[in-house]
Protein backbone atom coordinates (compact mmCIF):
# COMPACT_ATOMS: atom_id res chain seq x y z
CA MET A 1 82.03 101.03 41.49
CA GLY A 2 83.44 100.36 37.90
CA LEU A 3 84.89 96.82 36.70
CA VAL A 4 88.72 98.25 36.75
CA SER A 5 87.93 99.72 40.57
CA GLU A 6 86.39 96.32 41.66
CA ILE A 7 89.29 94.41 39.93
CA ARG A 8 91.87 96.38 42.06
CA GLN A 9 89.96 96.20 45.09
CA GLN A 10 89.59 92.44 44.79
CA VAL A 11 93.41 92.17 44.05
CA LYS A 12 94.28 94.12 47.08
CA VAL A 13 92.07 92.28 49.17
CA ALA A 14 93.85 88.70 47.85
CA LYS A 15 97.13 89.93 48.63
CA GLU A 16 96.24 91.32 52.51
CA ARG A 17 94.25 88.11 53.14
CA ASP A 18 96.05 85.11 51.09
CA PRO A 19 99.74 84.45 52.31
CA ALA A 20 99.73 82.47 48.80
CA ALA A 21 99.23 85.62 46.60
CA ILE A 22 102.24 86.26 44.68
CA SER A 23 101.59 88.90 41.96
CA THR A 24 98.74 90.65 40.60
CA MET A 25 98.42 88.91 37.31
CA GLU A 26 98.44 85.52 39.12
CA ILE A 27 95.47 86.83 41.25
CA ILE A 28 93.93 88.25 38.34
CA PHE A 29 93.97 84.94 36.19
CA THR A 30 93.96 82.29 38.58
CA TYR A 31 91.89 83.37 41.35
CA ALA A 32 88.15 81.62 41.22
CA GLY A 33 86.84 83.79 44.00
CA LEU A 34 87.80 87.12 42.19
CA HIS A 35 86.28 85.96 38.93
CA ALA A 36 82.99 84.95 40.96
CA VAL A 37 82.89 88.30 42.66
CA ILE A 38 83.18 90.04 39.65
CA ASN A 39 80.67 87.94 37.79
CA HIS A 40 78.42 88.51 40.65
CA ARG A 41 78.57 92.20 40.65
CA THR A 42 77.34 92.40 36.82
CA ALA A 43 74.70 89.75 37.50
CA ASN A 44 73.51 91.64 40.73
CA TRP A 45 73.69 95.03 38.50
CA LEU A 46 71.56 93.48 35.61
CA LEU A 47 68.87 92.16 38.13
CA ARG A 48 68.48 95.39 40.08
CA HIS A 49 67.85 96.95 36.73
CA LYS A 50 65.52 94.34 36.02
CA ILE A 51 66.86 92.69 33.36
CA PRO A 52 65.53 89.23 32.93
CA PHE A 53 67.26 85.68 32.66
CA ILE A 54 70.77 87.07 31.90
CA PRO A 55 71.54 87.58 35.67
CA ARG A 56 70.49 84.00 36.25
CA TRP A 57 72.68 82.59 33.43
CA ILE A 58 75.58 84.76 34.33
CA SER A 59 75.47 83.03 38.08
CA GLN A 60 75.28 79.51 36.26
CA VAL A 61 78.11 80.05 33.76
CA SER A 62 80.01 81.58 36.84
CA ARG A 63 79.17 78.22 38.94
CA PHE A 64 80.33 76.01 36.04
CA PHE A 65 83.73 77.72 35.71
CA THR A 66 84.76 78.69 39.22
CA GLY A 67 82.70 76.31 41.33
CA ILE A 68 81.04 79.13 43.28
CA GLU A 69 77.41 79.66 43.21
CA ILE A 70 76.03 83.12 44.32
CA HIS A 71 72.51 84.04 43.40
CA PRO A 72 72.49 87.60 41.51
CA GLY A 73 69.79 88.67 44.35
CA ALA A 74 72.47 88.34 47.27
CA GLN A 75 73.62 91.56 48.18
CA ILE A 76 77.22 91.72 49.08
CA GLY A 77 79.41 94.53 50.92
CA GLN A 78 82.58 95.61 49.85
CA ARG A 79 86.38 94.13 50.12
CA PHE A 80 84.30 90.69 49.92
CA PHE A 81 87.12 87.76 49.83
CA ILE A 82 86.29 84.10 49.01
CA ASP A 83 89.42 81.98 49.49
CA HIS A 84 89.87 78.79 47.35
CA GLY A 85 86.00 78.90 47.19
CA MET A 86 85.31 75.59 45.41
CA GLY A 87 81.55 74.36 46.76
CA VAL A 88 80.67 78.25 48.19
CA VAL A 89 76.73 78.41 47.95
CA ILE A 90 75.14 82.02 48.75
CA GLY A 91 71.54 82.32 48.57
CA GLU A 92 69.16 84.88 46.92
CA THR A 93 68.39 86.88 49.94
CA THR A 94 71.85 86.61 51.51
CA ARG A 95 72.85 90.03 53.16
CA ILE A 96 76.56 90.25 53.47
CA GLY A 97 78.56 93.61 55.11
CA ASP A 98 81.93 94.78 54.25
CA ASP A 99 85.60 93.04 54.79
CA VAL A 100 83.66 89.41 54.91
CA THR A 101 86.06 86.27 54.11
CA LEU A 102 84.77 82.98 53.11
CA TYR A 103 86.61 79.67 52.57
CA GLN A 104 85.84 76.75 50.33
CA GLY A 105 82.41 74.80 50.92
CA VAL A 106 80.61 77.40 52.78
CA THR A 107 76.89 77.59 52.56
CA LEU A 108 74.91 80.71 53.44
CA GLY A 109 71.47 79.20 52.80
CA GLY A 110 67.86 78.36 53.77
CA THR A 111 66.25 75.95 55.61
CA GLY A 112 62.88 75.53 53.76
CA LYS A 113 60.71 76.78 50.89
CA GLN A 114 59.36 79.51 52.65
CA LYS A 115 59.05 83.08 51.00
CA GLY A 116 60.62 86.20 51.34
CA LYS A 117 63.86 86.89 53.73
CA ARG A 118 65.10 82.90 54.32
CA HIS A 119 69.06 83.43 54.06
CA PRO A 120 71.37 84.85 56.51
CA THR A 121 72.69 88.40 57.17
CA ILE A 122 76.48 88.73 57.72
CA GLY A 123 77.86 91.61 59.73
CA ASP A 124 81.32 93.23 59.04
CA ARG A 125 84.51 91.91 59.42
CA VAL A 126 83.21 88.04 59.70
CA VAL A 127 85.26 85.11 58.82
CA ILE A 128 83.80 81.72 58.08
CA SER A 129 85.85 79.02 57.60
CA ALA A 130 85.83 76.15 55.35
CA GLY A 131 82.52 73.84 55.14
CA ALA A 132 80.41 75.86 57.86
CA LYS A 133 76.80 76.40 56.87
CA VAL A 134 74.72 79.30 57.88
CA LEU A 135 71.36 78.49 57.55
CA GLY A 136 67.99 80.55 57.78
CA SER A 137 67.04 83.95 57.82
CA ILE A 138 69.54 84.58 61.06
CA GLU A 139 71.91 87.55 61.73
CA ILE A 140 75.24 87.02 62.43
CA GLY A 141 76.87 89.97 64.13
CA ASN A 142 80.34 91.84 63.39
CA ASP A 143 83.75 90.67 64.13
CA VAL A 144 82.35 87.11 64.40
CA LEU A 145 84.43 83.79 63.38
CA ILE A 146 82.82 80.76 62.54
CA GLY A 147 84.88 77.75 62.76
CA ALA A 148 85.38 74.80 60.03
CA GLY A 149 82.67 72.64 59.57
CA ALA A 150 80.19 74.60 62.03
CA VAL A 151 76.31 74.57 61.48
CA VAL A 152 75.00 77.88 62.68
CA ILE A 153 71.03 77.93 62.93
CA LYS A 154 70.79 80.46 65.61
CA PRO A 155 71.80 84.17 65.78
CA VAL A 156 75.19 85.03 66.76
CA PRO A 157 75.96 88.65 68.55
CA ASP A 158 79.15 90.43 67.88
CA ASN A 159 82.58 89.68 68.49
CA CYS A 160 81.84 85.76 69.16
CA THR A 161 83.55 82.60 68.10
CA VAL A 162 81.28 79.77 66.96
CA VAL A 163 82.26 76.28 66.28
CA GLY A 164 80.31 72.68 66.60
CA VAL A 165 77.37 71.16 65.33
CA PRO A 166 74.83 72.66 66.12
CA GLY A 167 77.03 75.99 66.34
CA LYS A 168 78.03 76.81 69.89
CA ILE A 169 79.54 80.11 70.96
CA VAL A 170 83.06 79.31 72.77
CA LYS A 171 84.47 82.93 72.67
CA VAL A 172 83.03 86.42 73.59
CA GLY A 173 85.09 89.25 72.84
CA GLY A 174 88.15 86.82 72.56
CA GLU A 175 87.77 85.45 76.17
CA LYS A 176 86.82 81.85 76.50
CA VAL A 177 83.19 80.97 77.83
CA LEU A 178 81.32 77.92 78.30
CA SER A 179 78.65 78.01 75.55
CA ASP A 180 75.91 76.58 78.43
CA GLN A 181 77.16 79.43 80.54
CA PHE A 182 76.59 81.80 77.95
CA HIS A 183 73.07 80.79 76.93
CA ARG A 184 72.26 80.80 80.76
CA MET A 185 73.36 84.43 80.89
CA ASN A 186 71.11 85.41 77.96
CA LEU A 187 67.94 83.17 79.47
CA PRO A 188 65.14 84.77 81.68
CA ASP A 189 65.22 84.29 85.35
CA PRO A 190 62.11 82.09 86.21
CA VAL A 191 62.35 82.74 89.60
CA ASN A 192 62.57 86.40 89.17
CA ASP A 193 59.43 86.05 86.74
CA VAL A 194 57.45 84.32 89.35
CA LEU A 195 58.14 86.62 92.04
CA SER A 196 57.11 89.62 89.74
CA ASP A 197 53.96 87.61 88.90
CA CYS A 198 53.25 87.21 92.87
CA CYS A 199 53.83 90.78 93.63
CA ALA A 200 51.50 91.55 90.84
CA ARG A 201 48.86 89.26 91.98
CA ILE A 202 48.91 90.54 95.74
CA GLY A 203 48.97 93.94 94.41
CA PHE A 204 45.68 93.22 92.41
CA LEU A 205 44.26 91.26 95.68
CA GLU A 206 44.89 94.33 97.77
CA LYS A 207 43.27 96.62 95.74
CA GLU A 208 40.19 94.34 95.64
CA LEU A 209 40.21 93.77 99.43
CA LYS A 210 40.47 97.96 99.67
CA SER A 211 37.51 97.98 97.42
CA LEU A 212 35.13 95.19 99.08
CA LYS A 213 36.00 96.86 102.52
CA LYS A 214 35.06 100.42 101.19
CA GLY A 215 31.77 99.22 99.66
CA LYS A 216 31.03 97.39 103.03
CA GLU A 217 31.77 100.46 105.16
CA ASN A 218 29.42 102.52 102.61
CA THR A 219 26.75 99.80 102.87
CA GLU A 220 26.94 100.25 107.06
CA ASP A 221 26.81 104.20 106.52
CA ASP A 222 23.55 103.84 104.70
CA SER A 223 22.01 101.46 107.11
CA GLN A 224 22.64 103.55 110.09
CA ASP A 225 20.94 106.42 108.04
CA LEU A 226 17.91 104.62 107.72
């Protein structure tokens, strides 16, 4: 996508998602989120074409002017929107789908100094509210809402709402659900596991008994022949 097309898309998205957006000119000249996304698209393109130093320099200059830090290596989908934006941090191995919205103070970060994929993967149509932190190489499903100030360190399925520290699922498909109840539904059944193990052991013992019985009968037959 060219620069002009990207700017047009960002202006359209701002008008759709920000009720305070008044005019195209205002969005182009005053929206830090738009500037940060445009700068990132440029830095990411240069990085993918193996241009050294400049992509990182662009991201740092962009951070200075916008208050938004996006590593050039982050992969961001279409119609991405950052509202307000101050304090947003997006790590190097972050993957973001389409139609995602971030608010100020959001961090998509890592949890240590490990190599490889260490930042989250965000699905499509996700909204991450002000001050929320999504940390580690976890997957956030499609159509997820993460509440303000939440700290999410575990994967989240599609169509869920997450709040709190640590983040807990409070809605699934728009229906309220107790977080503990949700997790219980997704835990293995220990009683079933024990019964399955017992059945397997009984089956094994029955085979052993049959084998021993057959061996005994063969020994008796051999004795009679003698």
